[in-house]
């Protein structure tokens, strides 16, 4: 059964951001708090295979001939990400 809690002393700027986020997501402030807590405290568990699949999907969307390996190595040596 769900539990009820009361929050006291929420800084105005935090509440304003929470309220704006709730409006953007078309939720009540209460629902936004619950969604935020779930995201923070109950992150989705992913397997190594799921991570690998996401990486492969990202790589597939990138242009294949944008850089040569030598260019990438040179940029790394120059300190560019």
PDB file of N, CA and C in Angstrom:
ATOM      1  N   UNK A   1       0.839  -1.182   0.000  1.00  0.00           N
ATOM      2  CA  UNK A   1       0.000   0.000   0.000  1.00  0.00           C
ATOM      3  C   UNK A   1       0.884   1.245   0.000  1.00  0.00           C
ATOM      4  N   UNK A   2       0.568   2.240  -0.824  1.00  0.00           N
ATOM      5  CA  UNK A   2       1.378   3.455  -0.889  1.00  0.00           C
ATOM      6  C   UNK A   2       1.413   4.195   0.453  1.00  0.00           C
ATOM      7  N   UNK A   3       2.515   4.844   0.688  1.00  0.00           N
ATOM      8  CA  UNK A   3       2.714   5.621   1.906  1.00  0.00           C
ATOM      9  C   UNK A   3       2.647   7.098   1.575  1.00  0.00           C
ATOM     10  N   UNK A   4       2.157   7.891   2.487  1.00  0.00           N
ATOM     11  CA  UNK A   4       2.083   9.335   2.317  1.00  0.00           C
ATOM     12  C   UNK A   4       3.202   9.979   3.118  1.00  0.00           C
ATOM     13  N   UNK A   5       3.909  10.925   2.506  1.00  0.00           N
ATOM     14  CA  UNK A   5       4.932  11.691   3.216  1.00  0.00           C
ATOM     15  C   UNK A   5       4.651  13.170   3.017  1.00  0.00           C
ATOM     16  N   UNK A   6       5.166  13.979   3.924  1.00  0.00           N
ATOM     17  CA  UNK A   6       5.054  15.427   3.834  1.00  0.00           C
ATOM     18  C   UNK A   6       6.466  15.996   3.761  1.00  0.00           C
ATOM     19  N   UNK A   7       6.688  16.888   2.832  1.00  0.00           N
ATOM     20  CA  UNK A   7       7.989  17.545   2.703  1.00  0.00           C
ATOM     21  C   UNK A   7       7.868  18.970   3.215  1.00  0.00           C
ATOM     22  N   UNK A   8       8.812  19.375   4.038  1.00  0.00           N
ATOM     23  CA  UNK A   8       8.804  20.729   4.592  1.00  0.00           C
ATOM     24  C   UNK A   8      10.086  21.431   4.187  1.00  0.00           C
ATOM     25  N   UNK A   9       9.983  22.723   4.028  1.00  0.00           N
ATOM     26  CA  UNK A   9      11.174  23.536   3.779  1.00  0.00           C
ATOM     27  C   UNK A   9      11.770  23.383   2.402  1.00  0.00           C
ATOM     28  N   UNK A  10      10.954  23.075   1.388  1.00  0.00           N
ATOM     29  CA  UNK A  10      11.464  22.960   0.019  1.00  0.00           C
ATOM     30  C   UNK A  10      11.840  24.362  -0.459  1.00  0.00           C
ATOM     31  N   UNK A  11      13.066  24.573  -0.888  1.00  0.00           N
ATOM     32  CA  UNK A  11      13.468  25.893  -1.382  1.00  0.00           C
ATOM     33  C   UNK A  11      12.591  26.316  -2.573  1.00  0.00           C
ATOM     34  N   UNK A  12      12.315  27.606  -2.644  1.00  0.00           N
ATOM     35  CA  UNK A  12      11.440  28.124  -3.698  1.00  0.00           C
ATOM     36  C   UNK A  12      11.930  27.770  -5.092  1.00  0.00           C
ATOM     37  N   UNK A  13      13.244  27.870  -5.327  1.00  0.00           N
ATOM     38  CA  UNK A  13      13.757  27.584  -6.662  1.00  0.00           C
ATOM     39  C   UNK A  13      13.588  26.102  -7.020  1.00  0.00           C
ATOM     40  N   UNK A  14      13.712  25.212  -6.034  1.00  0.00           N
ATOM     41  CA  UNK A  14      13.503  23.787  -6.283  1.00  0.00           C
ATOM     42  C   UNK A  14      12.036  23.532  -6.607  1.00  0.00           C
ATOM     43  N   UNK A  15      11.151  24.144  -5.829  1.00  0.00           N
ATOM     44  CA  UNK A  15       9.714  23.965  -6.076  1.00  0.00           C
ATOM     45  C   UNK A  15       9.330  24.517  -7.452  1.00  0.00           C
ATOM     46  N   UNK A  16       9.887  25.666  -7.806  1.00  0.00           N
ATOM     47  CA  UNK A  16       9.572  26.259  -9.117  1.00  0.00           C
ATOM     48  C   UNK A  16       9.993  25.331 -10.251  1.00  0.00           C
ATOM     49  N   UNK A  17      11.170  24.733 -10.133  1.00  0.00           N
ATOM     50  CA  UNK A  17      11.639  23.799 -11.176  1.00  0.00           C
ATOM     51  C   UNK A  17      10.784  22.538 -11.202  1.00  0.00           C
ATOM     52  N   UNK A  18      10.398  22.066 -10.038  1.00  0.00           N
ATOM     53  CA  UNK A  18       9.535  20.894  -9.940  1.00  0.00           C
ATOM     54  C   UNK A  18       8.175  21.169 -10.578  1.00  0.00           C
ATOM     55  N   UNK A  19       7.618  22.329 -10.282  1.00  0.00           N
ATOM     56  CA  UNK A  19       6.317  22.711 -10.849  1.00  0.00           C
ATOM     57  C   UNK A  19       6.399  22.859 -12.367  1.00  0.00           C
ATOM     58  N   UNK A  20       7.475  23.471 -12.857  1.00  0.00           N
ATOM     59  CA  UNK A  20       7.657  23.629 -14.304  1.00  0.00           C
ATOM     60  C   UNK A  20       7.811  22.268 -14.976  1.00  0.00           C
ATOM     61  N   UNK A  21       8.545  21.367 -14.338  1.00  0.00           N
ATOM     62  CA  UNK A  21       8.715  20.028 -14.882  1.00  0.00           C
ATOM     63  C   UNK A  21       7.386  19.283 -14.912  1.00  0.00           C
ATOM     64  N   UNK A  22       6.593  19.435 -13.854  1.00  0.00           N
ATOM     65  CA  UNK A  22       5.280  18.796 -13.803  1.00  0.00           C
ATOM     66  C   UNK A  22       4.386  19.306 -14.934  1.00  0.00           C
ATOM     67  N   UNK A  23       4.397  20.600 -15.158  1.00  0.00           N
ATOM     68  CA  UNK A  23       3.590  21.175 -16.239  1.00  0.00           C
ATOM     69  C   UNK A  23       4.061  20.673 -17.596  1.00  0.00           C
ATOM     70  N   UNK A  24       5.375  20.608 -17.788  1.00  0.00           N
ATOM     71  CA  UNK A  24       5.925  20.145 -19.064  1.00  0.00           C
ATOM     72  C   UNK A  24       5.553  18.687 -19.335  1.00  0.00           C
ATOM     73  N   UNK A  25       5.453  17.900 -18.274  1.00  0.00           N
ATOM     74  CA  UNK A  25       5.121  16.480 -18.408  1.00  0.00           C
ATOM     75  C   UNK A  25       3.633  16.201 -18.217  1.00  0.00           C
ATOM     76  N   UNK A  26       2.853  17.275 -18.080  1.00  0.00           N
ATOM     77  CA  UNK A  26       1.392  17.170 -17.888  1.00  0.00           C
ATOM     78  C   UNK A  26       1.040  16.281 -16.712  1.00  0.00           C
ATOM     79  N   UNK A  27       1.723  16.550 -15.579  1.00  0.00           N
ATOM     80  CA  UNK A  27       1.474  15.811 -14.350  1.00  0.00           C
ATOM     81  C   UNK A  27       1.237  16.789 -13.220  1.00  0.00           C
ATOM     82  N   UNK A  28       0.645  16.287 -12.145  1.00  0.00           N
ATOM     83  CA  UNK A  28       0.542  17.082 -10.927  1.00  0.00           C
ATOM     84  C   UNK A  28       1.928  17.152 -10.291  1.00  0.00           C
ATOM     85  N   UNK A  29       2.103  18.095  -9.372  1.00  0.00           N
ATOM     86  CA  UNK A  29       3.376  18.199  -8.676  1.00  0.00           C
ATOM     87  C   UNK A  29       3.638  16.907  -7.907  1.00  0.00           C
ATOM     88  N   UNK A  30       2.615  16.348  -7.281  1.00  0.00           N
ATOM     89  CA  UNK A  30       2.765  15.091  -6.549  1.00  0.00           C
ATOM     90  C   UNK A  30       3.250  13.974  -7.475  1.00  0.00           C
ATOM     91  N   UNK A  31       2.614  13.851  -8.638  1.00  0.00           N
ATOM     92  CA  UNK A  31       3.018  12.808  -9.589  1.00  0.00           C
ATOM     93  C   UNK A  31       4.425  13.046 -10.101  1.00  0.00           C
ATOM     94  N   UNK A  32       4.803  14.292 -10.259  1.00  0.00           N
ATOM     95  CA  UNK A  32       6.162  14.613 -10.717  1.00  0.00           C
ATOM     96  C   UNK A  32       7.188  14.224  -9.659  1.00  0.00           C
ATOM     97  N   UNK A  33       6.872  14.460  -8.397  1.00  0.00           N
ATOM     98  CA  UNK A  33       7.778  14.057  -7.312  1.00  0.00           C
ATOM     99  C   UNK A  33       7.960  12.545  -7.325  1.00  0.00           C
ATOM    100  N   UNK A  34       6.856  11.809  -7.458  1.00  0.00           N
ATOM    101  CA  UNK A  34       6.931  10.347  -7.487  1.00  0.00           C
ATOM    102  C   UNK A  34       7.753   9.878  -8.683  1.00  0.00           C
ATOM    103  N   UNK A  35       7.498  10.452  -9.868  1.00  0.00           N
ATOM    104  CA  UNK A  35       8.249  10.068 -11.060  1.00  0.00           C
ATOM    105  C   UNK A  35       9.740  10.370 -10.897  1.00  0.00           C
ATOM    106  N   UNK A  36      10.054  11.517 -10.305  1.00  0.00           N
ATOM    107  CA  UNK A  36      11.458  11.892 -10.097  1.00  0.00           C
ATOM    108  C   UNK A  36      12.137  10.942  -9.121  1.00  0.00           C
ATOM    109  N   UNK A  37      11.444  10.594  -8.048  1.00  0.00           N
ATOM    110  CA  UNK A  37      12.015   9.659  -7.081  1.00  0.00           C
ATOM    111  C   UNK A  37      12.210   8.278  -7.692  1.00  0.00           C
ATOM    112  N   UNK A  38      11.242   7.831  -8.485  1.00  0.00           N
ATOM    113  CA  UNK A  38      11.387   6.525  -9.144  1.00  0.00           C
ATOM    114  C   UNK A  38      12.581   6.516 -10.082  1.00  0.00           C
ATOM    115  N   UNK A  39      12.755   7.587 -10.837  1.00  0.00           N
ATOM    116  CA  UNK A  39      13.887   7.679 -11.756  1.00  0.00           C
ATOM    117  C   UNK A  39      15.215   7.663 -11.001  1.00  0.00           C
ATOM    118  N   UNK A  40      15.255   8.366  -9.895  1.00  0.00           N
ATOM    119  CA  UNK A  40      16.485   8.455  -9.112  1.00  0.00           C
ATOM    120  C   UNK A  40      16.778   7.177  -8.335  1.00  0.00           C
ATOM    121  N   UNK A  41      15.759   6.607  -7.718  1.00  0.00           N
ATOM    122  CA  UNK A  41      15.973   5.502  -6.791  1.00  0.00           C
ATOM    123  C   UNK A  41      15.755   4.115  -7.381  1.00  0.00           C
ATOM    124  N   UNK A  42      15.026   4.052  -8.478  1.00  0.00           N
ATOM    125  CA  UNK A  42      14.735   2.756  -9.092  1.00  0.00           C
ATOM    126  C   UNK A  42      15.156   2.760 -10.556  1.00  0.00           C
ATOM    127  N   UNK A  43      16.456   2.954 -10.807  1.00  0.00           N
ATOM    128  CA  UNK A  43      16.887   2.994 -12.204  1.00  0.00           C
ATOM    129  C   UNK A  43      16.622   1.659 -12.890  1.00  0.00           C
ATOM    130  N   UNK A  44      16.388   1.751 -14.178  1.00  0.00           N
ATOM    131  CA  UNK A  44      16.157   0.542 -14.956  1.00  0.00           C
ATOM    132  C   UNK A  44      17.435  -0.278 -14.998  1.00  0.00           C
ATOM    133  N   UNK A  45      17.308  -1.555 -14.725  1.00  0.00           N
ATOM    134  CA  UNK A  45      18.454  -2.468 -14.796  1.00  0.00           C
ATOM    135  C   UNK A  45      18.616  -2.912 -16.242  1.00  0.00           C
ATOM    136  N   UNK A  46      19.809  -2.765 -16.756  1.00  0.00           N
ATOM    137  CA  UNK A  46      20.081  -3.220 -18.116  1.00  0.00           C
ATOM    138  C   UNK A  46      21.226  -4.223 -18.085  1.00  0.00           C
ATOM    139  N   UNK A  47      21.172  -5.144 -18.991  1.00  0.00           N
ATOM    140  CA  UNK A  47      22.213  -6.163 -19.077  1.00  0.00           C
ATOM    141  C   UNK A  47      23.335  -5.669 -19.987  1.00  0.00           C
ATOM    142  N   UNK A  48      24.443  -6.370 -19.947  1.00  0.00           N
ATOM    143  CA  UNK A  48      25.558  -6.039 -20.826  1.00  0.00           C
ATOM    144  C   UNK A  48      25.136  -6.158 -22.293  1.00  0.00           C
ATOM    145  N   UNK A  49      24.314  -7.135 -22.599  1.00  0.00           N
ATOM    146  CA  UNK A  49      23.848  -7.300 -23.985  1.00  0.00           C
ATOM    147  C   UNK A  49      22.963  -6.130 -24.419  1.00  0.00           C
ATOM    148  N   UNK A  50      22.162  -5.605 -23.503  1.00  0.00           N
ATOM    149  CA  UNK A  50      21.334  -4.447 -23.830  1.00  0.00           C
ATOM    150  C   UNK A  50      22.205  -3.216 -24.066  1.00  0.00           C
ATOM    151  N   UNK A  51      23.251  -3.043 -23.254  1.00  0.00           N
ATOM    152  CA  UNK A  51      24.192  -1.933 -23.468  1.00  0.00           C
ATOM    153  C   UNK A  51      24.875  -2.070 -24.829  1.00  0.00           C
ATOM    154  N   UNK A  52      25.317  -3.272 -25.131  1.00  0.00           N
ATOM    155  CA  UNK A  52      25.981  -3.523 -26.403  1.00  0.00           C
ATOM    156  C   UNK A  52      25.050  -3.225 -27.572  1.00  0.00           C
ATOM    157  N   UNK A  53      23.807  -3.644 -27.474  1.00  0.00           N
ATOM    158  CA  UNK A  53      22.835  -3.392 -28.543  1.00  0.00           C
ATOM    159  C   UNK A  53      22.615  -1.892 -28.728  1.00  0.00           C
ATOM    160  N   UNK A  54      22.560  -1.139 -27.629  1.00  0.00           N
ATOM    161  CA  UNK A  54      22.378   0.311 -27.717  1.00  0.00           C
ATOM    162  C   UNK A  54      23.590   0.964 -28.376  1.00  0.00           C
ATOM    163  N   UNK A  55      24.783   0.512 -28.039  1.00  0.00           N
ATOM    164  CA  UNK A  55      26.011   1.043 -28.646  1.00  0.00           C
ATOM    165  C   UNK A  55      26.046   0.744 -30.137  1.00  0.00           C
ATOM    166  N   UNK A  56      25.699  -0.485 -30.493  1.00  0.00           N
ATOM    167  CA  UNK A  56      25.696  -0.864 -31.905  1.00  0.00           C
ATOM    168  C   UNK A  56      24.657  -0.058 -32.688  1.00  0.00           C
ATOM    169  N   UNK A  57      23.497   0.193 -32.086  1.00  0.00           N
ATOM    170  CA  UNK A  57      22.469   0.991 -32.757  1.00  0.00           C
ATOM    171  C   UNK A  57      22.953   2.429 -32.966  1.00  0.00           C
ATOM    172  N   UNK A  58      23.638   2.973 -31.967  1.00  0.00           N
ATOM    173  CA  UNK A  58      24.182   4.323 -32.096  1.00  0.00           C
ATOM    174  C   UNK A  58      25.236   4.381 -33.187  1.00  0.00           C
ATOM    175  N   UNK A  59      26.141   3.426 -33.200  1.00  0.00           N
ATOM    176  CA  UNK A  59      27.187   3.385 -34.231  1.00  0.00           C
ATOM    177  C   UNK A  59      26.592   3.263 -35.632  1.00  0.00           C
ATOM    178  N   UNK A  60      25.513   2.505 -35.768  1.00  0.00           N
ATOM    179  CA  UNK A  60      24.881   2.312 -37.075  1.00  0.00           C
ATOM    180  C   UNK A  60      24.300   3.623 -37.610  1.00  0.00           C
ATOM    181  N   UNK A  61      23.927   4.524 -36.703  1.00  0.00           N
ATOM    182  CA  UNK A  61      23.348   5.806 -37.140  1.00  0.00           C
ATOM    183  C   UNK A  61      24.409   6.849 -37.493  1.00  0.00           C
ATOM    184  N   UNK A  62      25.650   6.610 -37.110  1.00  0.00           N
ATOM    185  CA  UNK A  62      26.716   7.572 -37.382  1.00  0.00           C
ATOM    186  C   UNK A  62      27.236   7.413 -38.805  1.00  0.00           C
ATOM    187  N   UNK A  63      27.680   8.518 -39.405  1.00  0.00           N
ATOM    188  CA  UNK A  63      28.282   8.409 -40.739  1.00  0.00           C
ATOM    189  C   UNK A  63      29.544   7.549 -40.664  1.00  0.00           C
ATOM    190  N   UNK A  64      29.675   6.634 -41.603  1.00  0.00           N
ATOM    191  CA  UNK A  64      30.766   5.667 -41.541  1.00  0.00           C
ATOM    192  C   UNK A  64      32.107   6.223 -42.023  1.00  0.00           C
ATOM    193  N   UNK A  65      32.099   7.185 -42.907  1.00  0.00           N
ATOM    194  CA  UNK A  65      33.350   7.691 -43.476  1.00  0.00           C
ATOM    195  C   UNK A  65      33.641   9.131 -43.082  1.00  0.00           C
ATOM    196  N   UNK A  66      33.130   9.556 -41.937  1.00  0.00           N
ATOM    197  CA  UNK A  66      33.310  10.952 -41.539  1.00  0.00           C
ATOM    198  C   UNK A  66      34.766  11.252 -41.168  1.00  0.00           C
ATOM    199  N   UNK A  67      35.451  10.311 -40.533  1.00  0.00           N
ATOM    200  CA  UNK A  67      36.832  10.514 -40.110  1.00  0.00           C
ATOM    201  C   UNK A  67      37.650   9.276 -40.435  1.00  0.00           C
ATOM    202  N   UNK A  68      38.901   9.511 -40.679  1.00  0.00           N
ATOM    203  CA  UNK A  68      39.852   8.421 -40.820  1.00  0.00           C
ATOM    204  C   UNK A  68      40.416   8.110 -39.436  1.00  0.00           C
ATOM    205  N   UNK A  69      40.856   6.882 -39.230  1.00  0.00           N
ATOM    206  CA  UNK A  69      41.411   6.502 -37.933  1.00  0.00           C
ATOM    207  C   UNK A  69      42.603   7.387 -37.566  1.00  0.00           C
ATOM    208  N   UNK A  70      43.399   7.750 -38.544  1.00  0.00           N
ATOM    209  CA  UNK A  70      44.556   8.601 -38.273  1.00  0.00           C
ATOM    210  C   UNK A  70      44.120   9.970 -37.763  1.00  0.00           C
ATOM    211  N   UNK A  71      43.020  10.494 -38.315  1.00  0.00           N
ATOM    212  CA  UNK A  71      42.499  11.790 -37.866  1.00  0.00           C
ATOM    213  C   UNK A  71      42.038  11.712 -36.411  1.00  0.00           C
ATOM    214  N   UNK A  72      41.348  10.653 -36.073  1.00  0.00           N
ATOM    215  CA  UNK A  72      40.864  10.475 -34.707  1.00  0.00           C
ATOM    216  C   UNK A  72      42.037  10.374 -33.741  1.00  0.00           C
ATOM    217  N   UNK A  73      43.044   9.587 -34.093  1.00  0.00           N
ATOM    218  CA  UNK A  73      44.223   9.461 -33.232  1.00  0.00           C
ATOM    219  C   UNK A  73      44.930  10.804 -33.069  1.00  0.00           C
ATOM    220  N   UNK A  74      45.052  11.565 -34.150  1.00  0.00           N
ATOM    221  CA  UNK A  74      45.708  12.869 -34.081  1.00  0.00           C
ATOM    222  C   UNK A  74      44.927  13.813 -33.163  1.00  0.00           C
ATOM    223  N   UNK A  75      43.600  13.837 -33.293  1.00  0.00           N
ATOM    224  CA  UNK A  75      42.776  14.695 -32.446  1.00  0.00           C
ATOM    225  C   UNK A  75      42.892  14.309 -30.972  1.00  0.00           C
ATOM    226  N   UNK A  76      42.977  13.019 -30.688  1.00  0.00           N
ATOM    227  CA  UNK A  76      43.160  12.576 -29.308  1.00  0.00           C
ATOM    228  C   UNK A  76      44.489  13.072 -28.746  1.00  0.00           C
ATOM    229  N   UNK A  77      45.539  12.959 -29.568  1.00  0.00           N
ATOM    230  CA  UNK A  77      46.853  13.422 -29.124  1.00  0.00           C
ATOM    231  C   UNK A  77      46.851  14.924 -28.858  1.00  0.00           C
ATOM    232  N   UNK A  78      46.035  15.654 -29.609  1.00  0.00           N
ATOM    233  CA  UNK A  78      45.938  17.100 -29.426  1.00  0.00           C
ATOM    234  C   UNK A  78      45.053  17.472 -28.244  1.00  0.00           C
ATOM    235  N   UNK A  79      44.430  16.476 -27.631  1.00  0.00           N
ATOM    236  CA  UNK A  79      43.620  16.743 -26.456  1.00  0.00           C
ATOM    237  C   UNK A  79      42.165  17.055 -26.753  1.00  0.00           C
ATOM    238  N   UNK A  80      41.718  16.751 -27.953  1.00  0.00           N
ATOM    239  CA  UNK A  80      40.320  16.988 -28.292  1.00  0.00           C
ATOM    240  C   UNK A  80      39.550  15.690 -28.112  1.00  0.00           C
ATOM    241  N   UNK A  81      38.322  15.789 -27.543  1.00  0.00           N
ATOM    242  CA  UNK A  81      37.528  14.569 -27.336  1.00  0.00           C
ATOM    243  C   UNK A  81      37.051  13.946 -28.638  1.00  0.00           C
TER     244      UNK A  81
END
